[in-house]
C-alpha atoms as a PDB file:
ATOM      1  CA  MET A   1      22.740 -30.203 -80.895  1.00  0.00           C
ATOM      2  CA  ALA A   2      22.758 -29.290 -76.612  1.00  0.00           C
ATOM      3  CA  LYS A   3      22.992 -25.674 -75.670  1.00  0.00           C
ATOM      4  CA  LYS A   4      25.495 -24.964 -73.461  1.00  0.00           C
ATOM      5  CA  LYS A   5      24.380 -23.882 -70.112  1.00  0.00           C
ATOM      6  CA  ASN A   6      25.581 -20.219 -69.204  1.00  0.00           C
ATOM      7  CA  SER A   7      28.058 -20.228 -66.378  1.00  0.00           C
ATOM      8  CA  LYS A   8      27.094 -17.491 -63.312  1.00  0.00           C
ATOM      9  CA  PRO A   9      29.996 -15.884 -62.276  1.00  0.00           C
ATOM     10  CA  MET A  10      30.781 -16.684 -58.727  1.00  0.00           C
ATOM     11  CA  LEU A  11      31.651 -13.829 -56.386  1.00  0.00           C
ATOM     12  CA  SER A  12      35.148 -13.850 -55.350  1.00  0.00           C
ATOM     13  CA  SER A  13      36.052 -14.821 -51.568  1.00  0.00           C
ATOM     14  CA  ALA A  14      37.731 -11.138 -51.653  1.00  0.00           C
ATOM     15  CA  THR A  15      33.990  -9.921 -53.002  1.00  0.00           C
ATOM     16  CA  LYS A  16      32.002 -11.433 -50.419  1.00  0.00           C
ATOM     17  CA  LYS A  17      34.417 -10.523 -47.708  1.00  0.00           C
ATOM     18  CA  GLY A  18      33.859  -6.970 -48.758  1.00  0.00           C
ATOM     19  CA  MET A  19      30.203  -7.455 -48.544  1.00  0.00           C
ATOM     20  CA  ILE A  20      30.104  -9.015 -44.997  1.00  0.00           C
ATOM     21  CA  ALA A  21      32.602  -5.895 -44.221  1.00  0.00           C
ATOM     22  CA  LEU A  22      30.163  -3.453 -45.035  1.00  0.00           C
ATOM     23  CA  LEU A  23      27.298  -5.272 -43.588  1.00  0.00           C
ATOM     24  CA  ILE A  24      28.428  -5.461 -39.694  1.00  0.00           C
ATOM     25  CA  PRO A  25      28.329  -1.648 -39.279  1.00  0.00           C
ATOM     26  CA  ILE A  26      25.187  -1.493 -40.697  1.00  0.00           C
ATOM     27  CA  ALA A  27      23.792  -4.406 -38.756  1.00  0.00           C
ATOM     28  CA  ILE A  28      25.201  -3.068 -35.389  1.00  0.00           C
ATOM     29  CA  THR A  29      23.706   0.825 -36.558  1.00  0.00           C
ATOM     30  CA  VAL A  30      20.467  -1.158 -36.479  1.00  0.00           C
ATOM     31  CA  TYR A  31      20.648  -2.728 -33.714  1.00  0.00           C
ATOM     32  CA  VAL A  32      21.933   0.236 -31.530  1.00  0.00           C
ATOM     33  CA  LEU A  33      18.828   2.395 -33.173  1.00  0.00           C
ATOM     34  CA  ILE A  34      16.421  -0.384 -32.284  1.00  0.00           C
ATOM     35  CA  PHE A  35      17.826  -0.443 -28.916  1.00  0.00           C
ATOM     36  CA  PHE A  36      17.685   3.019 -28.180  1.00  0.00           C
ATOM     37  CA  ALA A  37      14.308   3.761 -29.664  1.00  0.00           C
ATOM     38  CA  TRP A  38      13.255   1.067 -27.726  1.00  0.00           C
ATOM     39  CA  LYS A  39      14.567   2.509 -24.542  1.00  0.00           C
ATOM     40  CA  GLU A  40      12.677   5.690 -25.389  1.00  0.00           C
ATOM     41  CA  LEU A  41       9.687   3.957 -25.783  1.00  0.00           C
ATOM     42  CA  GLN A  42       9.874   2.614 -22.314  1.00  0.00           C
ATOM     43  CA  THR A  43      10.176   5.708 -21.050  1.00  0.00           C
ATOM     44  CA  LEU A  44       6.355   6.695 -22.043  1.00  0.00           C
ATOM     45  CA  PRO A  45       3.638   6.551 -19.434  1.00  0.00           C
ATOM     46  CA  ILE A  46       1.988   3.670 -20.650  1.00  0.00           C
ATOM     47  CA  PHE A  47       5.042   1.329 -20.151  1.00  0.00           C
ATOM     48  CA  GLU A  48       6.380   3.175 -17.257  1.00  0.00           C
ATOM     49  CA  LYS A  49       2.258   1.895 -16.013  1.00  0.00           C
ATOM     50  CA  LEU A  50       3.022  -1.805 -16.896  1.00  0.00           C
ATOM     51  CA  ALA A  51       6.025  -1.784 -15.565  1.00  0.00           C
ATOM     52  CA  GLN A  52       5.135  -0.768 -12.257  1.00  0.00           C
ATOM     53  CA  GLN A  53       1.894  -2.681 -12.288  1.00  0.00           C
ATOM     54  CA  LYS A  54       4.155  -5.575 -12.613  1.00  0.00           C
ATOM     55  CA  ALA A  55       6.384  -4.848 -10.305  1.00  0.00           C
ATOM     56  CA  MET A  56       3.336  -4.446  -7.712  1.00  0.00           C
ATOM     57  CA  GLU A  57       2.237  -7.393  -8.743  1.00  0.00           C
ATOM     58  CA  GLU A  58       5.345  -9.220  -7.882  1.00  0.00           C
ATOM     59  CA  ILE A  59       5.603  -7.605  -4.476  1.00  0.00           C
ATOM     60  CA  GLN A  60       1.920  -8.598  -3.758  1.00  0.00           C
ATOM     61  CA  GLN A  61       2.588 -12.230  -4.211  1.00  0.00           C
ATOM     62  CA  GLN A  62       4.522 -12.372  -1.267  1.00  0.00           C
ATOM     63  CA  PHE A  63       1.060 -11.306   0.436  1.00  0.00           C
ATOM     64  CA  ASP A  64      -1.843 -13.708   1.734  1.00  0.00           C
ATOM     65  CA  MET A  65      -3.919 -10.687   0.609  1.00  0.00           C
ATOM     66  CA  ASN A  66      -3.221  -7.924  -1.480  1.00  0.00           C
ATOM     67  CA  ILE A  67      -2.734  -4.477   0.658  1.00  0.00           C
ATOM     68  CA  PRO A  68      -5.269  -2.397  -1.339  1.00  0.00           C
ATOM     69  CA  GLU A  69      -3.382   0.311  -3.566  1.00  0.00           C
ATOM     70  CA  GLN A  70      -6.357   2.468  -2.411  1.00  0.00           C
ATOM     71  CA  PHE A  71      -5.247   2.401   1.166  1.00  0.00           C
ATOM     72  CA  ILE A  72      -1.604   2.883   1.079  1.00  0.00           C
ATOM     73  CA  PRO A  73      -1.436   7.056   0.436  1.00  0.00           C
ATOM     74  CA  ILE A  74      -3.835   7.035   3.496  1.00  0.00           C
ATOM     75  CA  TYR A  75      -2.047   4.670   5.939  1.00  0.00           C
ATOM     76  CA  VAL A  76       1.256   7.106   4.433  1.00  0.00           C
ATOM     77  CA  ALA A  77      -0.387  10.316   5.237  1.00  0.00           C
ATOM     78  CA  ALA A  78      -1.313   9.113   8.878  1.00  0.00           C
ATOM     79  CA  GLU A  79       2.452   8.076   9.046  1.00  0.00           C
ATOM     80  CA  GLU A  80       3.411  11.759   7.905  1.00  0.00           C
ATOM     81  CA  LYS A  81       1.331  12.679  10.673  1.00  0.00           C
ATOM     82  CA  TYR A  82       1.700  10.450  13.961  1.00  0.00           C
ATOM     83  CA  GLY A  83       4.619   9.191  13.523  1.00  0.00           C
ATOM     84  CA  VAL A  84       3.646   5.298  13.266  1.00  0.00           C
ATOM     85  CA  PRO A  85       4.882   3.082  10.692  1.00  0.00           C
ATOM     86  CA  TRP A  86       2.364   3.145   7.605  1.00  0.00           C
ATOM     87  CA  THR A  87       3.100  -0.965   7.434  1.00  0.00           C
ATOM     88  CA  LEU A  88       1.971  -1.154  11.165  1.00  0.00           C
ATOM     89  CA  LEU A  89      -1.568   0.538  10.362  1.00  0.00           C
ATOM     90  CA  ALA A  90      -1.639  -1.816   7.189  1.00  0.00           C
ATOM     91  CA  ALA A  91      -1.003  -4.751   9.329  1.00  0.00           C
ATOM     92  CA  HIS A  92      -3.760  -3.700  11.926  1.00  0.00           C
ATOM     93  CA  HIS A  93      -6.122  -3.383   8.693  1.00  0.00           C
ATOM     94  CA  ARG A  94      -5.662  -6.802   7.263  1.00  0.00           C
ATOM     95  CA  ILE A  95      -5.638  -8.166  10.980  1.00  0.00           C
ATOM     96  CA  GLU A  96      -9.084  -6.183  12.157  1.00  0.00           C
ATOM     97  CA  THR A  97     -11.117  -5.995   9.279  1.00  0.00           C
ATOM     98  CA  ARG A  98      -9.127  -7.958   6.233  1.00  0.00           C
ATOM     99  CA  PHE A  99      -8.543  -5.150   4.472  1.00  0.00           C
ATOM    100  CA  SER A 100     -12.400  -4.397   5.056  1.00  0.00           C
ATOM    101  CA  THR A 101     -13.455  -6.986   3.547  1.00  0.00           C
ATOM    102  CA  ILE A 102     -15.377  -8.445   6.224  1.00  0.00           C
ATOM    103  CA  LYS A 103     -19.264  -8.396   5.956  1.00  0.00           C
ATOM    104  CA  SER A 104     -19.805  -6.802   9.174  1.00  0.00           C
ATOM    105  CA  MET A 105     -17.980  -3.822  10.313  1.00  0.00           C
ATOM    106  CA  VAL A 106     -19.410  -4.753  13.970  1.00  0.00           C
ATOM    107  CA  SER A 107     -17.780  -7.062  16.299  1.00  0.00           C
ATOM    108  CA  SER A 108     -19.821  -9.418  18.562  1.00  0.00           C
ATOM    109  CA  ALA A 109     -17.875  -7.466  21.279  1.00  0.00           C
ATOM    110  CA  GLY A 110     -19.468  -4.482  20.017  1.00  0.00           C
ATOM    111  CA  ALA A 111     -16.060  -3.140  18.120  1.00  0.00           C
ATOM    112  CA  GLU A 112     -16.844  -0.672  15.182  1.00  0.00           C
ATOM    113  CA  GLY A 113     -15.410   0.333  11.637  1.00  0.00           C
ATOM    114  CA  HIS A 114     -12.646  -0.085   9.511  1.00  0.00           C
ATOM    115  CA  LEU A 115     -10.087  -0.564  12.517  1.00  0.00           C
ATOM    116  CA  GLN A 116     -12.831  -1.713  14.821  1.00  0.00           C
ATOM    117  CA  PHE A 117     -12.443   0.949  17.837  1.00  0.00           C
ATOM    118  CA  MET A 118     -14.726  -0.169  20.641  1.00  0.00           C
ATOM    119  CA  PRO A 119     -17.394   3.364  21.036  1.00  0.00           C
ATOM    120  CA  CYS A 120     -15.690   4.178  24.359  1.00  0.00           C
ATOM    121  CA  THR A 121     -11.963   4.328  22.955  1.00  0.00           C
ATOM    122  CA  PHE A 122     -13.259   6.322  19.969  1.00  0.00           C
ATOM    123  CA  VAL A 123     -15.563   9.249  21.753  1.00  0.00           C
ATOM    124  CA  GLY A 124     -13.240   8.639  24.975  1.00  0.00           C
ATOM    125  CA  TRP A 125     -13.612   6.866  28.919  1.00  0.00           C
ATOM    126  CA  GLN A 126     -15.206   9.548  30.673  1.00  0.00           C
ATOM    127  CA  HIS A 127     -18.109   9.516  28.072  1.00  0.00           C
ATOM    128  CA  PRO A 128     -20.536   8.773  30.913  1.00  0.00           C
ATOM    129  CA  THR A 129     -21.967   5.906  29.656  1.00  0.00           C
ATOM    130  CA  CYS A 130     -18.489   3.584  29.355  1.00  0.00           C
ATOM    131  CA  SER A 131     -17.375   0.787  31.580  1.00  0.00           C
ATOM    132  CA  GLY A 132     -16.764  -2.538  31.181  1.00  0.00           C
ATOM    133  CA  LEU A 133     -15.582  -3.748  27.563  1.00  0.00           C
ATOM    134  CA  GLY A 134     -16.165  -0.160  26.411  1.00  0.00           C
ATOM    135  CA  LYS A 135     -19.450  -0.696  24.082  1.00  0.00           C
ATOM    136  CA  GLY A 136     -20.839   2.098  26.201  1.00  0.00           C
ATOM    137  CA  ASN A 137     -24.406   3.708  24.829  1.00  0.00           C
ATOM    138  CA  ILE A 138     -22.989   6.718  22.633  1.00  0.00           C
ATOM    139  CA  PRO A 139     -25.913   8.334  20.383  1.00  0.00           C
ATOM    140  CA  LYS A 140     -24.413   8.317  16.945  1.00  0.00           C
ATOM    141  CA  ALA A 141     -24.196  12.074  16.931  1.00  0.00           C
ATOM    142  CA  GLU A 142     -21.893  12.311  19.733  1.00  0.00           C
ATOM    143  CA  LEU A 143     -19.695   9.293  18.666  1.00  0.00           C
ATOM    144  CA  MET A 144     -18.405  10.961  15.690  1.00  0.00           C
ATOM    145  CA  ASN A 145     -18.833  14.849  16.819  1.00  0.00           C
ATOM    146  CA  PRO A 146     -15.033  16.027  17.020  1.00  0.00           C
ATOM    147  CA  ALA A 147     -16.193  18.261  19.629  1.00  0.00           C
ATOM    148  CA  ILE A 148     -17.602  15.641  21.918  1.00  0.00           C
ATOM    149  CA  ILE A 149     -14.536  13.453  21.201  1.00  0.00           C
ATOM    150  CA  GLU A 150     -11.820  15.698  22.540  1.00  0.00           C
ATOM    151  CA  LYS A 151     -14.485  16.596  25.532  1.00  0.00           C
ATOM    152  CA  TYR A 152     -14.183  13.774  26.825  1.00  0.00           C
ATOM    153  CA  GLY A 153     -10.444  12.200  25.547  1.00  0.00           C
ATOM    154  CA  GLY A 154     -11.495  10.095  22.527  1.00  0.00           C
ATOM    155  CA  TYR A 155      -9.090   9.284  20.042  1.00  0.00           C
ATOM    156  CA  GLY A 156     -11.375   9.978  17.059  1.00  0.00           C
ATOM    157  CA  VAL A 157     -10.201  11.596  14.216  1.00  0.00           C
ATOM    158  CA  ASP A 158     -12.084  13.698  11.529  1.00  0.00           C
ATOM    159  CA  ALA A 159      -9.023  13.010   9.218  1.00  0.00           C
ATOM    160  CA  ASN A 160     -10.874  14.546   6.054  1.00  0.00           C
ATOM    161  CA  GLY A 161     -12.172  17.720   6.883  1.00  0.00           C
ATOM    162  CA  ASP A 162     -15.887  16.611   7.108  1.00  0.00           C
ATOM    163  CA  GLY A 163     -16.604  17.283  10.162  1.00  0.00           C
ATOM    164  CA  LEU A 164     -17.174  14.077  11.446  1.00  0.00           C
ATOM    165  CA  ALA A 165     -14.749  11.683  12.847  1.00  0.00           C
ATOM    166  CA  ASP A 166     -16.644   8.405  11.593  1.00  0.00           C
ATOM    167  CA  PRO A 167     -14.977   5.271  12.304  1.00  0.00           C
ATOM    168  CA  TYR A 168     -16.911   3.731   9.135  1.00  0.00           C
ATOM    169  CA  ASP A 169     -14.905   6.469   6.762  1.00  0.00           C
ATOM    170  CA  ILE A 170     -11.699   4.514   6.024  1.00  0.00           C
ATOM    171  CA  GLU A 171      -9.464   7.872   6.529  1.00  0.00           C
ATOM    172  CA  ASP A 172     -11.097   8.932   9.469  1.00  0.00           C
ATOM    173  CA  ALA A 173     -10.688   4.806  11.104  1.00  0.00           C
ATOM    174  CA  VAL A 174      -7.365   4.879   9.612  1.00  0.00           C
ATOM    175  CA  PHE A 175      -5.871   8.583  11.537  1.00  0.00           C
ATOM    176  CA  SER A 176      -7.727   7.527  14.894  1.00  0.00           C
ATOM    177  CA  ALA A 177      -5.955   4.193  14.712  1.00  0.00           C
ATOM    178  CA  ALA A 178      -2.645   6.062  14.020  1.00  0.00           C
ATOM    179  CA  ASN A 179      -3.302   8.476  16.964  1.00  0.00           C
ATOM    180  CA  TYR A 180      -4.635   6.021  18.986  1.00  0.00           C
ATOM    181  CA  LEU A 181      -0.925   3.815  18.364  1.00  0.00           C
ATOM    182  CA  ALA A 182       0.823   6.750  18.519  1.00  0.00           C
ATOM    183  CA  LYS A 183      -0.078   8.151  22.107  1.00  0.00           C
ATOM    184  CA  SER A 184       0.791   4.189  23.242  1.00  0.00           C
ATOM    185  CA  GLY A 185       4.149   4.455  22.432  1.00  0.00           C
ATOM    186  CA  ALA A 186       4.505   3.349  18.435  1.00  0.00           C
ATOM    187  CA  ALA A 187       5.285   6.767  17.498  1.00  0.00           C
ATOM    188  CA  ASN A 188       8.300   6.356  20.181  1.00  0.00           C
ATOM    189  CA  GLY A 189       9.284   3.206  18.517  1.00  0.00           C
ATOM    190  CA  ASP A 190       7.476   0.754  21.279  1.00  0.00           C
ATOM    191  CA  ILE A 191       5.456  -0.919  18.355  1.00  0.00           C
ATOM    192  CA  LYS A 192       4.687  -3.707  20.454  1.00  0.00           C
ATOM    193  CA  GLN A 193       3.436  -2.096  23.682  1.00  0.00           C
ATOM    194  CA  ALA A 194       1.218  -0.114  21.365  1.00  0.00           C
ATOM    195  CA  VAL A 195      -0.177  -2.957  19.466  1.00  0.00           C
ATOM    196  CA  PHE A 196      -0.756  -4.726  23.061  1.00  0.00           C
ATOM    197  CA  GLN A 197      -2.506  -1.472  24.144  1.00  0.00           C
ATOM    198  CA  TYR A 198      -5.058  -1.883  21.153  1.00  0.00           C
ATOM    199  CA  ASN A 199      -5.780  -5.536  22.079  1.00  0.00           C
ATOM    200  CA  HIS A 200      -4.912  -7.153  25.053  1.00  0.00           C
ATOM    201  CA  SER A 201      -4.151 -10.520  23.439  1.00  0.00           C
ATOM    202  CA  ASP A 202      -0.675 -11.979  23.382  1.00  0.00           C
ATOM    203  CA  GLU A 203      -1.897 -13.837  20.300  1.00  0.00           C
ATOM    204  CA  TYR A 204      -3.328 -10.523  18.569  1.00  0.00           C
ATOM    205  CA  VAL A 205       0.102  -8.959  18.930  1.00  0.00           C
ATOM    206  CA  GLU A 206       1.897 -11.602  17.388  1.00  0.00           C
ATOM    207  CA  ASN A 207      -0.506 -11.805  14.336  1.00  0.00           C
ATOM    208  CA  VAL A 208      -0.297  -8.381  14.005  1.00  0.00           C
ATOM    209  CA  LEU A 209       3.815  -8.125  14.193  1.00  0.00           C
ATOM    210  CA  TYR A 210       3.761 -10.515  11.835  1.00  0.00           C
ATOM    211  CA  TYR A 211       2.580  -8.471   9.106  1.00  0.00           C
ATOM    212  CA  PHE A 212       4.245  -6.085  10.221  1.00  0.00           C
ATOM    213  CA  GLN A 213       7.416  -7.264   9.373  1.00  0.00           C
ATOM    214  CA  LEU A 214       6.142  -9.103   6.046  1.00  0.00           C
ATOM    215  CA  TYR A 215       5.334  -5.374   5.044  1.00  0.00           C
ATOM    216  CA  ASN A 216       8.687  -3.940   6.112  1.00  0.00           C
ATOM    217  CA  ASP A 217      10.135  -6.209   3.834  1.00  0.00           C
ATOM    218  CA  TYR A 218       8.928  -4.382   1.242  1.00  0.00           C
ATOM    219  CA  ARG A 219       7.875  -1.008   2.618  1.00  0.00           C
ATOM    220  CA  ASP A 220       9.794   1.348   0.218  1.00  0.00           C
ATOM    221  CA  GLU A 221       9.079  -0.850  -3.129  1.00  0.00           C
ATOM    222  CA  LEU A 222       5.462  -0.659  -2.341  1.00  0.00           C
ATOM    223  CA  LYS A 223       5.479   3.269  -1.765  1.00  0.00           C
ATOM    224  CA  ALA A 224       7.698   4.112  -4.030  1.00  0.00           C
ATOM    225  CA  ALA A 225       5.035   1.924  -6.400  1.00  0.00           C
ATOM    226  CA  LEU A 226       2.214   3.610  -5.772  1.00  0.00           C
ATOM    227  CA  LEU A 227       3.760   7.087  -5.512  1.00  0.00           C
ATOM    228  CA  MET A 228       5.078   6.833  -9.123  1.00  0.00           C
ATOM    229  CA  ASN A 229       1.526   5.266 -10.065  1.00  0.00           C
ATOM    230  CA  ASN A 230       0.101   8.193  -8.703  1.00  0.00           C
ATOM    231  CA  GLU A 231       1.829  10.892 -10.576  1.00  0.00           C
ATOM    232  CA  LYS A 232       0.345   9.430 -13.994  1.00  0.00           C
END
């Protein structure tokens, strides 16, 4: 004799609707909790730093060479002192030595350091050995001596306070460039004239102004990203 199968009672339509009605607010509550928990996690330093790095990477992808982040605070500090846009300093640095990545920091004409100063421009054209293109015959001790530079009317600057104005020191080089550009008109907004004074070449001016405008397009984002990164 076959056994009768036990038939399980089916949930009624009203019961199902009631269960769904109970589950919906629970699901919403869980979603809200997860959402706010995630937002809270994003405020942690590690998440903020990752987000900032991503933002910086996206900006740098617009450039043919990344602006080294460690140089931006130096550019900004020089801008604050001399009134020369930090993006202009970055543009000069890009053109002169590809952000200090070239093999030799001395050009064929004799320009030296990160921003390629002619020795006579750095120490001052009143130096007795200065003439022609400005290579001169200046002893290293005189070239880097702030007192000698002041005596001969040069543009070299001891930016880091170590007692030397060194074109091979990145801070001194950037501040010296800012000093020169400021006195050539950049601090008053005459950017093109100042760039031409730095190097009497129309092609040079065109190249520097190209990168200056490019960096200006992302000026605020680059500065904000770096300042936030430095606070960590």
